[in-house]
């Protein structure tokens, strides 16, 4: 986990150093809802959870390079994701740091649209137990969520009056949310795909 944190610091520092001096930075607040589906896979089990709604909220920094249309969106978010399978529910809590490169096209001083993509680092800050979530051969098995995850964002949105932004983002997992190795029985991998709709106010 410490290696991941240092990796984030180096990445952000490299980006800041590479920014041209005319770059503009705005700070703001971001919040929204997410719709998450968890998928298990293994040599015995393949199962998908129901789509479940959660939320995220936090601070964001918006960087734009005048005339080029290029920029970045860096956020620090509390990310609450819900697992749901029938009557069973489990809340996952993360501190998420998405770092998205952004390309913006302005139609006028009133509105602009953008597309964005980039990595996201998520750190589990909640209960890491998944007790009684997975059943193998009739037996319940407890296994631990990973302390951190790495994923990739793809999104788009619109900014109105240079201050209000509405966006859609799809978060694609590149690492597992959790693993359960039962030896000769099965090795279960758990991942989550998340749709996000956000509202941002830039000061």
C-alpha atoms as a PDB file:
ATOM      1  CA  UNK A   1       0.000   0.000   0.000  1.00  0.00           C
ATOM      2  CA  UNK A   2       2.874   2.374   0.789  1.00  0.00           C
ATOM      3  CA  UNK A   3       4.327   1.689  -2.663  1.00  0.00           C
ATOM      4  CA  UNK A   4       0.979   2.628  -4.235  1.00  0.00           C
ATOM      5  CA  UNK A   5       0.817   5.894  -2.280  1.00  0.00           C
ATOM      6  CA  UNK A   6       4.355   6.842  -3.318  1.00  0.00           C
ATOM      7  CA  UNK A   7       3.492   5.953  -6.899  1.00  0.00           C
ATOM      8  CA  UNK A   8       0.540   8.359  -6.793  1.00  0.00           C
ATOM      9  CA  UNK A   9       2.689  11.145  -5.330  1.00  0.00           C
ATOM     10  CA  UNK A  10       5.324  10.689  -8.060  1.00  0.00           C
ATOM     11  CA  UNK A  11       2.665  10.625 -10.795  1.00  0.00           C
ATOM     12  CA  UNK A  12       0.944  13.783  -9.569  1.00  0.00           C
ATOM     13  CA  UNK A  13       4.285  15.567  -9.076  1.00  0.00           C
ATOM     14  CA  UNK A  14       5.386  14.649 -12.611  1.00  0.00           C
ATOM     15  CA  UNK A  15       2.121  15.982 -14.011  1.00  0.00           C
ATOM     16  CA  UNK A  16       2.436  19.277 -12.117  1.00  0.00           C
ATOM     17  CA  UNK A  17       6.013  19.775 -13.281  1.00  0.00           C
ATOM     18  CA  UNK A  18       5.010  19.069 -16.895  1.00  0.00           C
ATOM     19  CA  UNK A  19       2.181  21.633 -16.896  1.00  0.00           C
ATOM     20  CA  UNK A  20       2.870  24.804 -18.840  1.00  0.00           C
ATOM     21  CA  UNK A  21       3.041  28.017 -16.843  1.00  0.00           C
ATOM     22  CA  UNK A  22      -0.155  29.347 -18.477  1.00  0.00           C
ATOM     23  CA  UNK A  23      -2.231  26.426 -17.230  1.00  0.00           C
ATOM     24  CA  UNK A  24      -5.299  27.396 -15.211  1.00  0.00           C
ATOM     25  CA  UNK A  25      -6.354  25.517 -12.078  1.00  0.00           C
ATOM     26  CA  UNK A  26      -9.800  25.580 -10.496  1.00  0.00           C
ATOM     27  CA  UNK A  27     -10.826  23.781  -7.323  1.00  0.00           C
ATOM     28  CA  UNK A  28     -14.275  22.440  -6.618  1.00  0.00           C
ATOM     29  CA  UNK A  29     -16.571  19.936  -4.963  1.00  0.00           C
ATOM     30  CA  UNK A  30     -17.722  16.752  -6.670  1.00  0.00           C
ATOM     31  CA  UNK A  31     -20.461  14.296  -5.742  1.00  0.00           C
ATOM     32  CA  UNK A  32     -22.706  11.772  -7.391  1.00  0.00           C
ATOM     33  CA  UNK A  33     -24.196   8.302  -7.545  1.00  0.00           C
ATOM     34  CA  UNK A  34     -22.667   5.052  -8.699  1.00  0.00           C
ATOM     35  CA  UNK A  35     -24.214   1.812  -9.937  1.00  0.00           C
ATOM     36  CA  UNK A  36     -21.976  -1.173  -9.261  1.00  0.00           C
ATOM     37  CA  UNK A  37     -22.066  -4.821 -10.310  1.00  0.00           C
ATOM     38  CA  UNK A  38     -19.675  -7.330  -8.756  1.00  0.00           C
ATOM     39  CA  UNK A  39     -18.601 -10.367 -10.765  1.00  0.00           C
ATOM     40  CA  UNK A  40     -17.032 -13.562  -9.465  1.00  0.00           C
ATOM     41  CA  UNK A  41     -15.067 -16.008 -11.586  1.00  0.00           C
ATOM     42  CA  UNK A  42     -13.144 -19.207 -10.997  1.00  0.00           C
ATOM     43  CA  UNK A  43     -12.864 -22.807 -12.094  1.00  0.00           C
ATOM     44  CA  UNK A  44     -16.086 -23.664 -10.221  1.00  0.00           C
ATOM     45  CA  UNK A  45     -18.057 -20.433  -9.694  1.00  0.00           C
ATOM     46  CA  UNK A  46     -19.184 -17.665 -12.004  1.00  0.00           C
ATOM     47  CA  UNK A  47     -21.739 -15.357 -10.449  1.00  0.00           C
ATOM     48  CA  UNK A  48     -22.833 -11.731 -10.845  1.00  0.00           C
ATOM     49  CA  UNK A  49     -24.325  -9.607  -8.089  1.00  0.00           C
ATOM     50  CA  UNK A  50     -27.315  -7.347  -8.671  1.00  0.00           C
ATOM     51  CA  UNK A  51     -26.706  -3.766  -9.768  1.00  0.00           C
ATOM     52  CA  UNK A  52     -26.656  -1.669  -6.585  1.00  0.00           C
ATOM     53  CA  UNK A  53     -26.574   2.094  -6.060  1.00  0.00           C
ATOM     54  CA  UNK A  54     -24.026   3.892  -3.889  1.00  0.00           C
ATOM     55  CA  UNK A  55     -22.520   7.372  -3.791  1.00  0.00           C
ATOM     56  CA  UNK A  56     -19.256   9.343  -3.825  1.00  0.00           C
ATOM     57  CA  UNK A  57     -18.281  12.828  -2.647  1.00  0.00           C
ATOM     58  CA  UNK A  58     -15.102  14.863  -2.298  1.00  0.00           C
ATOM     59  CA  UNK A  59     -12.807  17.563  -3.643  1.00  0.00           C
ATOM     60  CA  UNK A  60     -11.503  18.039  -7.169  1.00  0.00           C
ATOM     61  CA  UNK A  61      -8.892  20.092  -9.026  1.00  0.00           C
ATOM     62  CA  UNK A  62      -9.541  20.993 -12.667  1.00  0.00           C
ATOM     63  CA  UNK A  63      -6.532  21.895 -14.816  1.00  0.00           C
ATOM     64  CA  UNK A  64      -6.924  23.459 -18.274  1.00  0.00           C
ATOM     65  CA  UNK A  65      -4.342  24.599 -20.838  1.00  0.00           C
ATOM     66  CA  UNK A  66      -5.638  27.664 -22.712  1.00  0.00           C
ATOM     67  CA  UNK A  67      -6.126  27.305 -26.497  1.00  0.00           C
ATOM     68  CA  UNK A  68      -5.127  23.643 -26.542  1.00  0.00           C
ATOM     69  CA  UNK A  69      -8.306  22.183 -25.053  1.00  0.00           C
ATOM     70  CA  UNK A  70      -6.217  19.788 -22.986  1.00  0.00           C
ATOM     71  CA  UNK A  71      -6.239  19.421 -19.241  1.00  0.00           C
ATOM     72  CA  UNK A  72      -6.760  17.080 -16.326  1.00  0.00           C
ATOM     73  CA  UNK A  73      -9.181  16.318 -13.532  1.00  0.00           C
ATOM     74  CA  UNK A  74      -7.686  15.127 -10.231  1.00  0.00           C
ATOM     75  CA  UNK A  75     -10.016  14.253  -7.349  1.00  0.00           C
ATOM     76  CA  UNK A  76      -9.931  12.936  -3.805  1.00  0.00           C
ATOM     77  CA  UNK A  77     -13.204  11.111  -3.123  1.00  0.00           C
ATOM     78  CA  UNK A  78     -14.970   9.059  -0.487  1.00  0.00           C
ATOM     79  CA  UNK A  79     -16.439   6.253  -2.602  1.00  0.00           C
ATOM     80  CA  UNK A  80     -19.260   4.129  -1.133  1.00  0.00           C
ATOM     81  CA  UNK A  81     -20.094   1.038  -3.223  1.00  0.00           C
ATOM     82  CA  UNK A  82     -22.832  -1.469  -2.448  1.00  0.00           C
ATOM     83  CA  UNK A  83     -22.791  -5.208  -3.153  1.00  0.00           C
ATOM     84  CA  UNK A  84     -26.243  -6.759  -3.387  1.00  0.00           C
ATOM     85  CA  UNK A  85     -27.230 -10.345  -4.108  1.00  0.00           C
ATOM     86  CA  UNK A  86     -30.858 -11.016  -3.258  1.00  0.00           C
ATOM     87  CA  UNK A  87     -31.288 -10.162   0.415  1.00  0.00           C
ATOM     88  CA  UNK A  88     -27.534 -10.087   1.074  1.00  0.00           C
ATOM     89  CA  UNK A  89     -25.849  -6.667   1.133  1.00  0.00           C
ATOM     90  CA  UNK A  90     -22.322  -5.474   1.771  1.00  0.00           C
ATOM     91  CA  UNK A  91     -21.074  -1.867   1.776  1.00  0.00           C
ATOM     92  CA  UNK A  92     -17.543  -1.230   0.526  1.00  0.00           C
ATOM     93  CA  UNK A  93     -15.836   2.027   1.487  1.00  0.00           C
ATOM     94  CA  UNK A  94     -12.902   3.499  -0.414  1.00  0.00           C
ATOM     95  CA  UNK A  95     -10.778   6.604  -0.653  1.00  0.00           C
ATOM     96  CA  UNK A  96     -10.522   7.001  -4.433  1.00  0.00           C
ATOM     97  CA  UNK A  97      -8.036   9.127  -6.379  1.00  0.00           C
ATOM     98  CA  UNK A  98      -8.961   9.400 -10.078  1.00  0.00           C
ATOM     99  CA  UNK A  99      -6.429  11.183 -12.314  1.00  0.00           C
ATOM    100  CA  UNK A 100      -8.066  11.799 -15.698  1.00  0.00           C
ATOM    101  CA  UNK A 101      -6.651  13.464 -18.786  1.00  0.00           C
ATOM    102  CA  UNK A 102      -9.335  15.653 -20.372  1.00  0.00           C
ATOM    103  CA  UNK A 103     -10.029  17.139 -23.801  1.00  0.00           C
ATOM    104  CA  UNK A 104     -12.586  19.978 -23.940  1.00  0.00           C
ATOM    105  CA  UNK A 105     -14.420  21.606 -26.836  1.00  0.00           C
ATOM    106  CA  UNK A 106     -16.152  24.918 -26.067  1.00  0.00           C
ATOM    107  CA  UNK A 107     -19.219  25.905 -28.058  1.00  0.00           C
ATOM    108  CA  UNK A 108     -19.429  29.347 -26.466  1.00  0.00           C
ATOM    109  CA  UNK A 109     -18.729  31.071 -23.159  1.00  0.00           C
ATOM    110  CA  UNK A 110     -21.868  29.380 -21.835  1.00  0.00           C
ATOM    111  CA  UNK A 111     -21.115  25.694 -22.356  1.00  0.00           C
ATOM    112  CA  UNK A 112     -18.451  23.160 -23.321  1.00  0.00           C
ATOM    113  CA  UNK A 113     -18.236  19.379 -23.612  1.00  0.00           C
ATOM    114  CA  UNK A 114     -15.363  17.107 -22.675  1.00  0.00           C
ATOM    115  CA  UNK A 115     -14.108  13.537 -22.861  1.00  0.00           C
ATOM    116  CA  UNK A 116     -11.797  12.106 -20.214  1.00  0.00           C
ATOM    117  CA  UNK A 117      -9.819   8.993 -19.422  1.00  0.00           C
ATOM    118  CA  UNK A 118      -7.219   7.952 -16.881  1.00  0.00           C
ATOM    119  CA  UNK A 119      -6.256   5.728 -13.942  1.00  0.00           C
ATOM    120  CA  UNK A 120      -7.909   5.509 -10.553  1.00  0.00           C
ATOM    121  CA  UNK A 121      -6.312   4.377  -7.296  1.00  0.00           C
ATOM    122  CA  UNK A 122      -8.721   3.185  -4.587  1.00  0.00           C
ATOM    123  CA  UNK A 123      -7.873   2.346  -0.965  1.00  0.00           C
ATOM    124  CA  UNK A 124     -10.230   0.274   1.176  1.00  0.00           C
ATOM    125  CA  UNK A 125     -11.032   2.091   4.432  1.00  0.00           C
ATOM    126  CA  UNK A 126     -13.984  -0.058   5.564  1.00  0.00           C
ATOM    127  CA  UNK A 127     -14.557  -3.572   6.842  1.00  0.00           C
ATOM    128  CA  UNK A 128     -12.552  -5.891   4.577  1.00  0.00           C
ATOM    129  CA  UNK A 129     -14.409  -9.076   5.473  1.00  0.00           C
ATOM    130  CA  UNK A 130     -16.824 -10.693   3.011  1.00  0.00           C
ATOM    131  CA  UNK A 131     -18.201 -13.168   5.514  1.00  0.00           C
ATOM    132  CA  UNK A 132     -20.988 -15.400   4.150  1.00  0.00           C
ATOM    133  CA  UNK A 133     -20.916 -13.797   0.709  1.00  0.00           C
ATOM    134  CA  UNK A 134     -19.635 -16.694  -1.466  1.00  0.00           C
ATOM    135  CA  UNK A 135     -20.921 -20.274  -1.262  1.00  0.00           C
ATOM    136  CA  UNK A 136     -18.745 -23.148  -2.516  1.00  0.00           C
ATOM    137  CA  UNK A 137     -20.158 -26.706  -2.457  1.00  0.00           C
ATOM    138  CA  UNK A 138     -22.749 -25.677   0.121  1.00  0.00           C
ATOM    139  CA  UNK A 139     -20.252 -24.069   2.513  1.00  0.00           C
ATOM    140  CA  UNK A 140     -19.930 -20.374   3.317  1.00  0.00           C
ATOM    141  CA  UNK A 141     -16.421 -19.003   3.087  1.00  0.00           C
ATOM    142  CA  UNK A 142     -14.931 -15.835   4.510  1.00  0.00           C
ATOM    143  CA  UNK A 143     -12.262 -14.022   2.548  1.00  0.00           C
ATOM    144  CA  UNK A 144     -10.764 -10.558   2.662  1.00  0.00           C
ATOM    145  CA  UNK A 145     -11.128  -7.645   0.301  1.00  0.00           C
ATOM    146  CA  UNK A 146      -7.856  -6.280  -1.015  1.00  0.00           C
ATOM    147  CA  UNK A 147      -6.506  -3.160   0.693  1.00  0.00           C
ATOM    148  CA  UNK A 148      -6.218  -1.304  -2.626  1.00  0.00           C
ATOM    149  CA  UNK A 149      -7.461  -1.470  -6.219  1.00  0.00           C
ATOM    150  CA  UNK A 150      -6.358  -0.095  -9.559  1.00  0.00           C
ATOM    151  CA  UNK A 151      -8.880   0.719 -12.298  1.00  0.00           C
ATOM    152  CA  UNK A 152      -9.356   2.823 -15.438  1.00  0.00           C
ATOM    153  CA  UNK A 153     -11.918   5.569 -16.121  1.00  0.00           C
ATOM    154  CA  UNK A 154     -13.609   6.501 -19.394  1.00  0.00           C
ATOM    155  CA  UNK A 155     -16.074   9.387 -19.312  1.00  0.00           C
ATOM    156  CA  UNK A 156     -17.668  12.453 -20.870  1.00  0.00           C
ATOM    157  CA  UNK A 157     -19.740  15.410 -19.777  1.00  0.00           C
ATOM    158  CA  UNK A 158     -20.745  19.042 -20.142  1.00  0.00           C
ATOM    159  CA  UNK A 159     -19.690  22.204 -18.286  1.00  0.00           C
ATOM    160  CA  UNK A 160     -22.113  25.126 -18.011  1.00  0.00           C
ATOM    161  CA  UNK A 161     -21.089  28.727 -17.233  1.00  0.00           C
ATOM    162  CA  UNK A 162     -17.546  27.492 -16.434  1.00  0.00           C
ATOM    163  CA  UNK A 163     -18.654  26.414 -12.966  1.00  0.00           C
ATOM    164  CA  UNK A 164     -21.230  23.607 -13.110  1.00  0.00           C
ATOM    165  CA  UNK A 165     -20.262  20.250 -14.605  1.00  0.00           C
ATOM    166  CA  UNK A 166     -22.361  17.139 -15.164  1.00  0.00           C
ATOM    167  CA  UNK A 167     -20.499  14.000 -16.140  1.00  0.00           C
ATOM    168  CA  UNK A 168     -20.781  10.282 -16.794  1.00  0.00           C
ATOM    169  CA  UNK A 169     -17.932   7.877 -16.043  1.00  0.00           C
ATOM    170  CA  UNK A 170     -17.402   4.140 -16.470  1.00  0.00           C
ATOM    171  CA  UNK A 171     -14.881   2.599 -14.076  1.00  0.00           C
ATOM    172  CA  UNK A 172     -13.164  -0.556 -15.411  1.00  0.00           C
ATOM    173  CA  UNK A 173     -11.321  -2.825 -12.916  1.00  0.00           C
ATOM    174  CA  UNK A 174      -7.727  -3.764 -13.752  1.00  0.00           C
ATOM    175  CA  UNK A 175      -7.063  -5.608 -10.489  1.00  0.00           C
ATOM    176  CA  UNK A 176      -9.227  -7.865  -8.340  1.00  0.00           C
ATOM    177  CA  UNK A 177     -11.427  -6.562  -5.539  1.00  0.00           C
ATOM    178  CA  UNK A 178     -10.820  -9.805  -3.606  1.00  0.00           C
ATOM    179  CA  UNK A 179      -9.420 -13.321  -4.042  1.00  0.00           C
ATOM    180  CA  UNK A 180     -10.262 -16.610  -2.363  1.00  0.00           C
ATOM    181  CA  UNK A 181      -7.914 -19.535  -2.878  1.00  0.00           C
ATOM    182  CA  UNK A 182      -9.469 -22.833  -1.769  1.00  0.00           C
ATOM    183  CA  UNK A 183      -6.670 -24.995  -3.118  1.00  0.00           C
ATOM    184  CA  UNK A 184      -7.931 -27.872  -5.226  1.00  0.00           C
ATOM    185  CA  UNK A 185     -11.559 -26.721  -4.875  1.00  0.00           C
ATOM    186  CA  UNK A 186     -11.475 -23.372  -6.620  1.00  0.00           C
ATOM    187  CA  UNK A 187      -9.811 -20.001  -6.882  1.00  0.00           C
ATOM    188  CA  UNK A 188     -12.451 -17.247  -6.826  1.00  0.00           C
ATOM    189  CA  UNK A 189     -11.746 -13.781  -8.172  1.00  0.00           C
ATOM    190  CA  UNK A 190     -14.032 -10.828  -7.450  1.00  0.00           C
ATOM    191  CA  UNK A 191     -14.130  -7.636  -9.558  1.00  0.00           C
ATOM    192  CA  UNK A 192     -16.526  -4.706  -9.841  1.00  0.00           C
ATOM    193  CA  UNK A 193     -17.643  -2.569 -12.785  1.00  0.00           C
ATOM    194  CA  UNK A 194     -19.152   0.813 -11.909  1.00  0.00           C
ATOM    195  CA  UNK A 195     -21.207   3.421 -13.753  1.00  0.00           C
ATOM    196  CA  UNK A 196     -21.009   6.911 -12.215  1.00  0.00           C
ATOM    197  CA  UNK A 197     -22.998  10.111 -12.708  1.00  0.00           C
ATOM    198  CA  UNK A 198     -21.401  13.190 -11.123  1.00  0.00           C
ATOM    199  CA  UNK A 199     -22.186  16.824 -10.389  1.00  0.00           C
ATOM    200  CA  UNK A 200     -19.227  19.189  -9.863  1.00  0.00           C
ATOM    201  CA  UNK A 201     -19.138  22.820  -8.829  1.00  0.00           C
ATOM    202  CA  UNK A 202     -15.908  24.667  -9.654  1.00  0.00           C
ATOM    203  CA  UNK A 203     -15.086  27.824  -7.695  1.00  0.00           C
END
